């Protein structure tokens, strides 16, 4: 999912003496093993003093890059919005030879982006794998995040059927390495659409057919997919540091889509909320509820943004 070009300024500088931005600035920074690209969209704060401005809002996904947040960002023009491409996705290029990434590595990239903008503590809306990485960020650097809204973090470690669920996720990754993108993505889609617990005899079920999902069955030989290759195992196997998260000064709100009930990411969100000792918050729509046509998918972005604003304003 390439982020493509974006209008605006392009600079590696984070000099606080630079003139105030009036359009999106796209910048890069060097992290350990990756060059990370991020965007800063200034809000319509005018000349108001910093104390009168709402915190910057950092929108993060994984492996989804900044492209997926165009619609959601358009609903928050009153504040500065930060987006970025996770390492190995979009414009953020890996500079090491690693083929997999752990949430802790993503968390350090997120830390560097927040520190580079000089806008911390920020509010964070984190979806899917980005929510897992957001939890890792707050566990390590709670001082950088005022509010974390974690939307459907797909970690199997909080599920009662974690053993079977982890084996299913491992199988998706193994299928990708063995057979390529089409067969593995078919299994991933079946995994994400499934409702209810995973059974220990899951291998006895039918194997999803790539053609049924409109996917190519042929193996093109590539193995650089950021979802199936780089992030699949590290994200789903991540175990949240609940003691650190509960001790953090960060306000954490865990969210699932109303239409996601019973599906793996929503079940995981409920497990994370339980681990934190808080209730699960329901947002409109589904796992991609904030999408307004990005990647050809539609949620209910206006209602989703309204719900998100209500949570952030309630901090």
C-alpha atoms as a PDB file:
ATOM      1  CA  UNK A   1       0.000   0.000   0.000  1.00  0.00           C
ATOM      2  CA  UNK A   2       2.093   2.862  -1.239  1.00  0.00           C
ATOM      3  CA  UNK A   3       1.486   6.266   0.263  1.00  0.00           C
ATOM      4  CA  UNK A   4       2.236   8.050  -2.982  1.00  0.00           C
ATOM      5  CA  UNK A   5       2.971  11.750  -3.248  1.00  0.00           C
ATOM      6  CA  UNK A   6       1.533  14.448  -1.051  1.00  0.00           C
ATOM      7  CA  UNK A   7       1.368  18.192  -1.548  1.00  0.00           C
ATOM      8  CA  UNK A   8       3.261  20.471   0.758  1.00  0.00           C
ATOM      9  CA  UNK A   9       6.708  21.141   2.071  1.00  0.00           C
ATOM     10  CA  UNK A  10       9.404  18.473   1.984  1.00  0.00           C
ATOM     11  CA  UNK A  11      12.180  18.804   4.524  1.00  0.00           C
ATOM     12  CA  UNK A  12      14.293  16.843   6.958  1.00  0.00           C
ATOM     13  CA  UNK A  13      14.553  19.836   9.238  1.00  0.00           C
ATOM     14  CA  UNK A  14      12.754  20.159  12.545  1.00  0.00           C
ATOM     15  CA  UNK A  15      14.215  23.583  13.426  1.00  0.00           C
ATOM     16  CA  UNK A  16      11.782  25.336  15.812  1.00  0.00           C
ATOM     17  CA  UNK A  17      12.779  28.671  14.243  1.00  0.00           C
ATOM     18  CA  UNK A  18      11.251  27.692  10.896  1.00  0.00           C
ATOM     19  CA  UNK A  19       8.223  29.757   9.802  1.00  0.00           C
ATOM     20  CA  UNK A  20       4.874  28.379  10.867  1.00  0.00           C
ATOM     21  CA  UNK A  21       3.560  25.804   8.407  1.00  0.00           C
ATOM     22  CA  UNK A  22       0.447  26.595   6.417  1.00  0.00           C
ATOM     23  CA  UNK A  23       0.293  23.323   4.482  1.00  0.00           C
ATOM     24  CA  UNK A  24       1.283  19.715   4.958  1.00  0.00           C
ATOM     25  CA  UNK A  25       4.990  19.183   5.561  1.00  0.00           C
ATOM     26  CA  UNK A  26       6.431  15.787   4.669  1.00  0.00           C
ATOM     27  CA  UNK A  27       9.661  14.912   6.400  1.00  0.00           C
ATOM     28  CA  UNK A  28      11.917  11.953   7.067  1.00  0.00           C
ATOM     29  CA  UNK A  29      14.035  10.870  10.002  1.00  0.00           C
ATOM     30  CA  UNK A  30      16.610   8.178  10.534  1.00  0.00           C
ATOM     31  CA  UNK A  31      15.686   5.435  12.983  1.00  0.00           C
ATOM     32  CA  UNK A  32      17.536   2.243  13.822  1.00  0.00           C
ATOM     33  CA  UNK A  33      17.310   0.157  10.672  1.00  0.00           C
ATOM     34  CA  UNK A  34      14.884   2.392   8.776  1.00  0.00           C
ATOM     35  CA  UNK A  35      14.266   5.788   7.226  1.00  0.00           C
ATOM     36  CA  UNK A  36      10.842   6.864   8.442  1.00  0.00           C
ATOM     37  CA  UNK A  37       8.595   9.310   6.565  1.00  0.00           C
ATOM     38  CA  UNK A  38       5.971  11.363   8.360  1.00  0.00           C
ATOM     39  CA  UNK A  39       3.566  14.223   7.643  1.00  0.00           C
ATOM     40  CA  UNK A  40       2.507  17.210   9.707  1.00  0.00           C
ATOM     41  CA  UNK A  41      -0.779  18.877   8.776  1.00  0.00           C
ATOM     42  CA  UNK A  42      -1.111  22.157  10.694  1.00  0.00           C
ATOM     43  CA  UNK A  43      -4.498  22.847  12.213  1.00  0.00           C
ATOM     44  CA  UNK A  44      -6.482  26.036  11.769  1.00  0.00           C
ATOM     45  CA  UNK A  45      -5.292  27.484  15.068  1.00  0.00           C
ATOM     46  CA  UNK A  46      -4.424  30.850  13.568  1.00  0.00           C
ATOM     47  CA  UNK A  47      -2.242  32.951  15.814  1.00  0.00           C
ATOM     48  CA  UNK A  48      -3.694  31.586  19.044  1.00  0.00           C
ATOM     49  CA  UNK A  49      -1.258  30.872  21.850  1.00  0.00           C
ATOM     50  CA  UNK A  50      -0.029  27.316  22.262  1.00  0.00           C
ATOM     51  CA  UNK A  51      -1.971  26.907  25.505  1.00  0.00           C
ATOM     52  CA  UNK A  52      -5.235  27.456  23.603  1.00  0.00           C
ATOM     53  CA  UNK A  53      -4.545  24.824  20.980  1.00  0.00           C
ATOM     54  CA  UNK A  54      -5.709  21.208  21.318  1.00  0.00           C
ATOM     55  CA  UNK A  55      -2.923  18.638  21.387  1.00  0.00           C
ATOM     56  CA  UNK A  56      -1.641  17.371  18.070  1.00  0.00           C
ATOM     57  CA  UNK A  57      -3.376  14.205  16.914  1.00  0.00           C
ATOM     58  CA  UNK A  58      -1.152  11.356  15.700  1.00  0.00           C
ATOM     59  CA  UNK A  59      -3.011   8.869  13.462  1.00  0.00           C
ATOM     60  CA  UNK A  60      -1.222   5.525  13.180  1.00  0.00           C
ATOM     61  CA  UNK A  61      -1.875   2.167  11.567  1.00  0.00           C
ATOM     62  CA  UNK A  62       0.248  -0.852  10.756  1.00  0.00           C
ATOM     63  CA  UNK A  63       0.982  -2.012   8.191  1.00  0.00           C
ATOM     64  CA  UNK A  64      -1.389   0.600   6.740  1.00  0.00           C
ATOM     65  CA  UNK A  65       0.474   3.770   5.928  1.00  0.00           C
ATOM     66  CA  UNK A  66      -0.584   7.418   6.015  1.00  0.00           C
ATOM     67  CA  UNK A  67      -2.703   7.022   2.877  1.00  0.00           C
ATOM     68  CA  UNK A  68      -5.456   5.374   4.901  1.00  0.00           C
ATOM     69  CA  UNK A  69      -6.014   8.373   7.144  1.00  0.00           C
ATOM     70  CA  UNK A  70      -6.847  11.028   4.565  1.00  0.00           C
ATOM     71  CA  UNK A  71     -10.568  11.048   5.280  1.00  0.00           C
ATOM     72  CA  UNK A  72     -10.239  10.874   9.058  1.00  0.00           C
ATOM     73  CA  UNK A  73      -7.651  13.673   9.107  1.00  0.00           C
ATOM     74  CA  UNK A  74     -10.046  15.916   7.168  1.00  0.00           C
ATOM     75  CA  UNK A  75     -12.407  15.876  10.160  1.00  0.00           C
ATOM     76  CA  UNK A  76      -9.763  17.331  12.509  1.00  0.00           C
ATOM     77  CA  UNK A  77      -8.708  20.548  10.806  1.00  0.00           C
ATOM     78  CA  UNK A  78      -8.903  22.371  14.151  1.00  0.00           C
ATOM     79  CA  UNK A  79      -5.705  20.704  15.356  1.00  0.00           C
ATOM     80  CA  UNK A  80      -2.382  19.627  13.958  1.00  0.00           C
ATOM     81  CA  UNK A  81      -2.557  16.084  12.579  1.00  0.00           C
ATOM     82  CA  UNK A  82       0.513  13.862  12.273  1.00  0.00           C
ATOM     83  CA  UNK A  83       0.588  10.755  10.090  1.00  0.00           C
ATOM     84  CA  UNK A  84       3.426   8.439   9.155  1.00  0.00           C
ATOM     85  CA  UNK A  85       4.355   5.340   7.198  1.00  0.00           C
ATOM     86  CA  UNK A  86       5.508   2.423   9.379  1.00  0.00           C
ATOM     87  CA  UNK A  87       8.916   1.010   8.546  1.00  0.00           C
ATOM     88  CA  UNK A  88       8.799  -1.199   5.485  1.00  0.00           C
ATOM     89  CA  UNK A  89       5.503   0.325   4.279  1.00  0.00           C
ATOM     90  CA  UNK A  90       4.789   3.203   1.921  1.00  0.00           C
ATOM     91  CA  UNK A  91       7.650   5.706   1.912  1.00  0.00           C
ATOM     92  CA  UNK A  92       9.430   4.356   5.005  1.00  0.00           C
ATOM     93  CA  UNK A  93      12.281   2.211   3.775  1.00  0.00           C
ATOM     94  CA  UNK A  94      14.095  -0.413   5.815  1.00  0.00           C
ATOM     95  CA  UNK A  95      17.859   0.063   5.861  1.00  0.00           C
ATOM     96  CA  UNK A  96      18.642  -3.196   7.647  1.00  0.00           C
ATOM     97  CA  UNK A  97      18.346  -6.764   6.447  1.00  0.00           C
ATOM     98  CA  UNK A  98      15.623  -7.764   8.912  1.00  0.00           C
ATOM     99  CA  UNK A  99      12.546  -9.450   7.467  1.00  0.00           C
ATOM    100  CA  UNK A 100      10.294  -9.093  10.526  1.00  0.00           C
ATOM    101  CA  UNK A 101       9.523  -6.239  12.892  1.00  0.00           C
ATOM    102  CA  UNK A 102       8.438  -6.227  16.524  1.00  0.00           C
ATOM    103  CA  UNK A 103       5.981  -3.735  18.027  1.00  0.00           C
ATOM    104  CA  UNK A 104       8.773  -2.448  20.280  1.00  0.00           C
ATOM    105  CA  UNK A 105      10.694  -1.375  17.152  1.00  0.00           C
ATOM    106  CA  UNK A 106       7.642   0.411  15.788  1.00  0.00           C
ATOM    107  CA  UNK A 107       7.225   2.080  19.186  1.00  0.00           C
ATOM    108  CA  UNK A 108      10.713   3.534  18.964  1.00  0.00           C
ATOM    109  CA  UNK A 109       9.934   4.890  15.494  1.00  0.00           C
ATOM    110  CA  UNK A 110       6.786   6.498  16.908  1.00  0.00           C
ATOM    111  CA  UNK A 111       8.813   8.017  19.737  1.00  0.00           C
ATOM    112  CA  UNK A 112      11.249   9.521  17.266  1.00  0.00           C
ATOM    113  CA  UNK A 113       8.454  11.032  15.174  1.00  0.00           C
ATOM    114  CA  UNK A 114       6.777  12.641  18.200  1.00  0.00           C
ATOM    115  CA  UNK A 115      10.073  13.995  19.468  1.00  0.00           C
ATOM    116  CA  UNK A 116      11.004  15.275  15.999  1.00  0.00           C
ATOM    117  CA  UNK A 117       7.793  17.297  15.762  1.00  0.00           C
ATOM    118  CA  UNK A 118       8.312  18.776  19.235  1.00  0.00           C
ATOM    119  CA  UNK A 119       4.549  18.562  19.798  1.00  0.00           C
ATOM    120  CA  UNK A 120       4.343  16.033  22.617  1.00  0.00           C
ATOM    121  CA  UNK A 121       2.468  14.985  24.555  1.00  0.00           C
ATOM    122  CA  UNK A 122       0.129  14.149  21.687  1.00  0.00           C
ATOM    123  CA  UNK A 123      -3.201  12.410  21.374  1.00  0.00           C
ATOM    124  CA  UNK A 124      -2.958   9.141  19.436  1.00  0.00           C
ATOM    125  CA  UNK A 125      -5.595   7.307  17.447  1.00  0.00           C
ATOM    126  CA  UNK A 126      -4.130   3.914  16.628  1.00  0.00           C
ATOM    127  CA  UNK A 127      -5.894   1.257  14.577  1.00  0.00           C
ATOM    128  CA  UNK A 128      -5.226  -2.449  14.078  1.00  0.00           C
ATOM    129  CA  UNK A 129      -1.492  -3.202  14.208  1.00  0.00           C
ATOM    130  CA  UNK A 130      -0.991   0.480  14.934  1.00  0.00           C
ATOM    131  CA  UNK A 131      -2.986  -0.003  18.136  1.00  0.00           C
ATOM    132  CA  UNK A 132      -0.607  -2.769  19.201  1.00  0.00           C
ATOM    133  CA  UNK A 133       2.326  -0.455  18.473  1.00  0.00           C
ATOM    134  CA  UNK A 134       0.585   2.354  20.354  1.00  0.00           C
ATOM    135  CA  UNK A 135       0.295   0.157  23.437  1.00  0.00           C
ATOM    136  CA  UNK A 136       4.012  -0.613  23.160  1.00  0.00           C
ATOM    137  CA  UNK A 137       4.726   3.118  22.858  1.00  0.00           C
ATOM    138  CA  UNK A 138       2.753   4.041  25.977  1.00  0.00           C
ATOM    139  CA  UNK A 139       4.300   1.197  27.973  1.00  0.00           C
ATOM    140  CA  UNK A 140       7.749   2.579  27.127  1.00  0.00           C
ATOM    141  CA  UNK A 141       7.188   6.339  26.824  1.00  0.00           C
ATOM    142  CA  UNK A 142       3.936   7.343  28.538  1.00  0.00           C
ATOM    143  CA  UNK A 143       5.083  10.953  28.864  1.00  0.00           C
ATOM    144  CA  UNK A 144       4.728  11.400  25.099  1.00  0.00           C
ATOM    145  CA  UNK A 145       1.031  10.474  24.889  1.00  0.00           C
ATOM    146  CA  UNK A 146      -1.859  12.282  26.576  1.00  0.00           C
ATOM    147  CA  UNK A 147      -4.629   9.985  25.293  1.00  0.00           C
ATOM    148  CA  UNK A 148      -4.308   6.721  23.377  1.00  0.00           C
ATOM    149  CA  UNK A 149      -7.384   5.480  21.546  1.00  0.00           C
ATOM    150  CA  UNK A 150      -6.531   1.866  20.659  1.00  0.00           C
ATOM    151  CA  UNK A 151      -8.877   0.619  17.946  1.00  0.00           C
ATOM    152  CA  UNK A 152      -9.121  -3.183  17.599  1.00  0.00           C
ATOM    153  CA  UNK A 153      -5.530  -4.188  18.471  1.00  0.00           C
ATOM    154  CA  UNK A 154      -5.123  -7.746  17.085  1.00  0.00           C
ATOM    155  CA  UNK A 155      -3.041  -9.398  19.797  1.00  0.00           C
ATOM    156  CA  UNK A 156      -3.917 -13.042  20.417  1.00  0.00           C
ATOM    157  CA  UNK A 157      -2.256 -13.042  23.831  1.00  0.00           C
ATOM    158  CA  UNK A 158      -5.405 -11.689  25.502  1.00  0.00           C
ATOM    159  CA  UNK A 159      -7.719 -14.356  24.058  1.00  0.00           C
ATOM    160  CA  UNK A 160      -8.781 -17.495  25.960  1.00  0.00           C
ATOM    161  CA  UNK A 161      -8.141 -19.413  22.715  1.00  0.00           C
ATOM    162  CA  UNK A 162      -4.707 -17.829  22.318  1.00  0.00           C
ATOM    163  CA  UNK A 163      -2.898 -21.090  21.536  1.00  0.00           C
ATOM    164  CA  UNK A 164      -5.062 -21.940  18.543  1.00  0.00           C
ATOM    165  CA  UNK A 165      -5.248 -18.309  17.410  1.00  0.00           C
ATOM    166  CA  UNK A 166      -1.474 -17.950  17.490  1.00  0.00           C
ATOM    167  CA  UNK A 167      -1.111 -21.141  15.437  1.00  0.00           C
ATOM    168  CA  UNK A 168      -3.506 -19.764  12.824  1.00  0.00           C
ATOM    169  CA  UNK A 169      -1.521 -16.526  12.573  1.00  0.00           C
ATOM    170  CA  UNK A 170       1.711 -18.477  12.318  1.00  0.00           C
ATOM    171  CA  UNK A 171       0.194 -20.507   9.504  1.00  0.00           C
ATOM    172  CA  UNK A 172      -0.630 -17.349   7.540  1.00  0.00           C
ATOM    173  CA  UNK A 173       3.010 -16.277   7.747  1.00  0.00           C
ATOM    174  CA  UNK A 174       4.289 -19.749   6.860  1.00  0.00           C
ATOM    175  CA  UNK A 175       1.927 -19.933   3.877  1.00  0.00           C
ATOM    176  CA  UNK A 176       3.227 -16.586   2.639  1.00  0.00           C
ATOM    177  CA  UNK A 177       6.850 -17.733   2.783  1.00  0.00           C
ATOM    178  CA  UNK A 178       5.971 -21.016   1.088  1.00  0.00           C
ATOM    179  CA  UNK A 179       3.283 -20.121  -1.446  1.00  0.00           C
ATOM    180  CA  UNK A 180       3.273 -16.352  -1.855  1.00  0.00           C
ATOM    181  CA  UNK A 181       0.815 -13.528  -1.376  1.00  0.00           C
ATOM    182  CA  UNK A 182      -2.464 -14.889  -2.828  1.00  0.00           C
ATOM    183  CA  UNK A 183      -2.848 -18.062  -0.748  1.00  0.00           C
ATOM    184  CA  UNK A 184      -1.601 -16.331   2.392  1.00  0.00           C
ATOM    185  CA  UNK A 185      -3.865 -13.303   1.979  1.00  0.00           C
ATOM    186  CA  UNK A 186      -6.851 -15.623   1.488  1.00  0.00           C
ATOM    187  CA  UNK A 187      -6.056 -17.216   4.836  1.00  0.00           C
ATOM    188  CA  UNK A 188      -5.589 -13.803   6.435  1.00  0.00           C
ATOM    189  CA  UNK A 189      -8.947 -12.558   5.166  1.00  0.00           C
ATOM    190  CA  UNK A 190     -10.644 -15.693   6.444  1.00  0.00           C
ATOM    191  CA  UNK A 191      -8.924 -15.139   9.785  1.00  0.00           C
ATOM    192  CA  UNK A 192     -10.040 -11.514  10.053  1.00  0.00           C
ATOM    193  CA  UNK A 193     -13.632 -12.289   9.033  1.00  0.00           C
ATOM    194  CA  UNK A 194     -14.091 -15.247  11.356  1.00  0.00           C
ATOM    195  CA  UNK A 195     -16.415 -14.874  14.329  1.00  0.00           C
ATOM    196  CA  UNK A 196     -16.007 -16.733  17.592  1.00  0.00           C
ATOM    197  CA  UNK A 197     -13.090 -18.604  19.154  1.00  0.00           C
ATOM    198  CA  UNK A 198     -10.535 -20.588  17.195  1.00  0.00           C
ATOM    199  CA  UNK A 199     -10.707 -24.328  17.724  1.00  0.00           C
ATOM    200  CA  UNK A 200      -7.727 -26.566  18.368  1.00  0.00           C
ATOM    201  CA  UNK A 201      -8.659 -28.621  15.288  1.00  0.00           C
ATOM    202  CA  UNK A 202      -8.636 -25.571  13.000  1.00  0.00           C
ATOM    203  CA  UNK A 203      -6.366 -27.405  10.530  1.00  0.00           C
ATOM    204  CA  UNK A 204      -9.245 -29.787   9.764  1.00  0.00           C
ATOM    205  CA  UNK A 205     -11.296 -27.001   8.222  1.00  0.00           C
ATOM    206  CA  UNK A 206     -11.382 -26.054   4.534  1.00  0.00           C
ATOM    207  CA  UNK A 207      -8.414 -24.119   3.163  1.00  0.00           C
ATOM    208  CA  UNK A 208      -9.473 -20.678   1.866  1.00  0.00           C
ATOM    209  CA  UNK A 209      -9.152 -20.380  -1.909  1.00  0.00           C
ATOM    210  CA  UNK A 210      -7.296 -17.331  -3.239  1.00  0.00           C
ATOM    211  CA  UNK A 211      -9.552 -17.151  -6.302  1.00  0.00           C
ATOM    212  CA  UNK A 212     -12.636 -16.864  -4.076  1.00  0.00           C
ATOM    213  CA  UNK A 213     -11.237 -13.546  -2.821  1.00  0.00           C
ATOM    214  CA  UNK A 214     -10.166 -12.361  -6.255  1.00  0.00           C
ATOM    215  CA  UNK A 215      -6.534 -12.982  -5.397  1.00  0.00           C
ATOM    216  CA  UNK A 216      -3.855 -14.460  -7.642  1.00  0.00           C
ATOM    217  CA  UNK A 217      -3.017 -18.082  -6.907  1.00  0.00           C
ATOM    218  CA  UNK A 218       0.325 -17.851  -8.696  1.00  0.00           C
ATOM    219  CA  UNK A 219       3.429 -17.040  -6.666  1.00  0.00           C
ATOM    220  CA  UNK A 220       5.257 -14.011  -8.074  1.00  0.00           C
ATOM    221  CA  UNK A 221       8.289 -14.760  -5.915  1.00  0.00           C
ATOM    222  CA  UNK A 222       8.180 -11.553  -3.873  1.00  0.00           C
ATOM    223  CA  UNK A 223       8.353 -11.750  -0.084  1.00  0.00           C
ATOM    224  CA  UNK A 224       8.331  -8.107   0.946  1.00  0.00           C
ATOM    225  CA  UNK A 225       4.684  -7.739   1.982  1.00  0.00           C
ATOM    226  CA  UNK A 226       4.606  -5.684   5.216  1.00  0.00           C
ATOM    227  CA  UNK A 227       1.493  -7.428   6.523  1.00  0.00           C
ATOM    228  CA  UNK A 228       2.070 -11.094   5.717  1.00  0.00           C
ATOM    229  CA  UNK A 229       5.835 -11.068   5.993  1.00  0.00           C
ATOM    230  CA  UNK A 230       7.098  -8.277   8.202  1.00  0.00           C
ATOM    231  CA  UNK A 231       4.432  -7.750  10.856  1.00  0.00           C
ATOM    232  CA  UNK A 232       2.197 -10.809  11.007  1.00  0.00           C
ATOM    233  CA  UNK A 233       3.928 -12.730  13.775  1.00  0.00           C
ATOM    234  CA  UNK A 234       5.301  -9.866  15.860  1.00  0.00           C
ATOM    235  CA  UNK A 235       2.011  -7.977  16.000  1.00  0.00           C
ATOM    236  CA  UNK A 236      -0.339 -10.836  16.801  1.00  0.00           C
ATOM    237  CA  UNK A 237       2.026 -12.420  19.340  1.00  0.00           C
ATOM    238  CA  UNK A 238       2.646  -9.169  21.243  1.00  0.00           C
ATOM    239  CA  UNK A 239       1.872  -9.382  24.944  1.00  0.00           C
ATOM    240  CA  UNK A 240       0.808  -5.985  26.333  1.00  0.00           C
ATOM    241  CA  UNK A 241       2.714  -4.823  29.412  1.00  0.00           C
ATOM    242  CA  UNK A 242      -0.394  -4.312  31.526  1.00  0.00           C
ATOM    243  CA  UNK A 243       1.419  -3.271  34.734  1.00  0.00           C
ATOM    244  CA  UNK A 244       3.279  -0.527  32.840  1.00  0.00           C
ATOM    245  CA  UNK A 245       0.128   0.550  31.000  1.00  0.00           C
ATOM    246  CA  UNK A 246      -1.937   0.718  34.176  1.00  0.00           C
ATOM    247  CA  UNK A 247       0.797   2.748  35.877  1.00  0.00           C
ATOM    248  CA  UNK A 248       1.141   5.183  32.975  1.00  0.00           C
ATOM    249  CA  UNK A 249      -0.240   8.688  33.240  1.00  0.00           C
ATOM    250  CA  UNK A 250      -1.651   8.266  29.736  1.00  0.00           C
ATOM    251  CA  UNK A 251      -5.414   7.947  29.403  1.00  0.00           C
ATOM    252  CA  UNK A 252      -6.098   4.766  27.412  1.00  0.00           C
ATOM    253  CA  UNK A 253      -9.408   4.107  25.666  1.00  0.00           C
ATOM    254  CA  UNK A 254      -9.843   0.739  23.938  1.00  0.00           C
ATOM    255  CA  UNK A 255     -12.299   0.706  21.053  1.00  0.00           C
ATOM    256  CA  UNK A 256     -14.039  -1.853  18.839  1.00  0.00           C
ATOM    257  CA  UNK A 257     -16.443  -1.324  15.956  1.00  0.00           C
ATOM    258  CA  UNK A 258     -20.107  -2.065  16.557  1.00  0.00           C
ATOM    259  CA  UNK A 259     -20.162  -4.213  13.411  1.00  0.00           C
ATOM    260  CA  UNK A 260     -17.046  -6.156  14.464  1.00  0.00           C
ATOM    261  CA  UNK A 261     -18.628  -8.092  17.310  1.00  0.00           C
ATOM    262  CA  UNK A 262     -17.245 -11.611  17.620  1.00  0.00           C
ATOM    263  CA  UNK A 263     -14.403 -11.092  15.151  1.00  0.00           C
ATOM    264  CA  UNK A 264     -10.784 -11.587  16.133  1.00  0.00           C
ATOM    265  CA  UNK A 265      -9.685  -7.903  16.393  1.00  0.00           C
ATOM    266  CA  UNK A 266     -12.795  -6.928  18.358  1.00  0.00           C
ATOM    267  CA  UNK A 267     -12.407  -9.901  20.704  1.00  0.00           C
ATOM    268  CA  UNK A 268      -8.785  -8.889  21.224  1.00  0.00           C
ATOM    269  CA  UNK A 269      -9.850  -5.308  21.979  1.00  0.00           C
ATOM    270  CA  UNK A 270     -12.189  -6.617  24.673  1.00  0.00           C
ATOM    271  CA  UNK A 271      -9.321  -8.663  26.129  1.00  0.00           C
ATOM    272  CA  UNK A 272      -7.006  -5.648  26.200  1.00  0.00           C
ATOM    273  CA  UNK A 273      -9.660  -3.552  27.906  1.00  0.00           C
ATOM    274  CA  UNK A 274     -10.158  -6.282  30.505  1.00  0.00           C
ATOM    275  CA  UNK A 275      -6.408  -6.447  31.102  1.00  0.00           C
ATOM    276  CA  UNK A 276      -6.374  -2.720  31.725  1.00  0.00           C
ATOM    277  CA  UNK A 277      -9.377  -2.924  34.047  1.00  0.00           C
ATOM    278  CA  UNK A 278     -11.489  -0.605  31.884  1.00  0.00           C
ATOM    279  CA  UNK A 279     -14.619  -0.969  29.800  1.00  0.00           C
ATOM    280  CA  UNK A 280     -14.614  -1.472  26.048  1.00  0.00           C
ATOM    281  CA  UNK A 281     -15.835   1.539  24.043  1.00  0.00           C
ATOM    282  CA  UNK A 282     -17.866   0.915  20.888  1.00  0.00           C
ATOM    283  CA  UNK A 283     -17.402   3.084  17.810  1.00  0.00           C
ATOM    284  CA  UNK A 284     -19.533   3.151  14.648  1.00  0.00           C
ATOM    285  CA  UNK A 285     -18.912   0.717  11.814  1.00  0.00           C
ATOM    286  CA  UNK A 286     -16.191  -1.952  11.567  1.00  0.00           C
ATOM    287  CA  UNK A 287     -12.416  -2.518  11.550  1.00  0.00           C
ATOM    288  CA  UNK A 288     -12.035   0.074   8.787  1.00  0.00           C
ATOM    289  CA  UNK A 289     -14.793   2.330  10.079  1.00  0.00           C
ATOM    290  CA  UNK A 290     -12.780   5.526   9.545  1.00  0.00           C
ATOM    291  CA  UNK A 291     -12.132   4.826   5.845  1.00  0.00           C
ATOM    292  CA  UNK A 292     -13.819   7.012   3.284  1.00  0.00           C
ATOM    293  CA  UNK A 293     -12.916   5.132   0.133  1.00  0.00           C
ATOM    294  CA  UNK A 294      -9.232   4.600   0.764  1.00  0.00           C
ATOM    295  CA  UNK A 295      -8.241   1.232  -0.731  1.00  0.00           C
ATOM    296  CA  UNK A 296     -11.783   0.995  -2.101  1.00  0.00           C
ATOM    297  CA  UNK A 297     -13.239   0.473   1.367  1.00  0.00           C
ATOM    298  CA  UNK A 298     -15.912   2.534   3.085  1.00  0.00           C
ATOM    299  CA  UNK A 299     -16.834   2.736   6.724  1.00  0.00           C
ATOM    300  CA  UNK A 300     -18.798   5.510   8.389  1.00  0.00           C
ATOM    301  CA  UNK A 301     -16.067   8.135   8.688  1.00  0.00           C
ATOM    302  CA  UNK A 302     -18.230  11.080   9.715  1.00  0.00           C
ATOM    303  CA  UNK A 303     -19.818   9.218  12.639  1.00  0.00           C
ATOM    304  CA  UNK A 304     -16.476   7.599  13.461  1.00  0.00           C
ATOM    305  CA  UNK A 305     -14.739  10.988  13.611  1.00  0.00           C
ATOM    306  CA  UNK A 306     -17.530  12.371  15.790  1.00  0.00           C
ATOM    307  CA  UNK A 307     -17.094   9.490  18.231  1.00  0.00           C
ATOM    308  CA  UNK A 308     -13.325   9.950  18.258  1.00  0.00           C
ATOM    309  CA  UNK A 309     -13.671  13.675  18.887  1.00  0.00           C
ATOM    310  CA  UNK A 310     -16.014  12.975  21.768  1.00  0.00           C
ATOM    311  CA  UNK A 311     -13.445  10.670  23.375  1.00  0.00           C
ATOM    312  CA  UNK A 312     -10.588  13.126  22.874  1.00  0.00           C
ATOM    313  CA  UNK A 313     -12.595  16.094  24.146  1.00  0.00           C
ATOM    314  CA  UNK A 314     -13.548  14.074  27.204  1.00  0.00           C
ATOM    315  CA  UNK A 315      -9.916  13.742  28.341  1.00  0.00           C
END
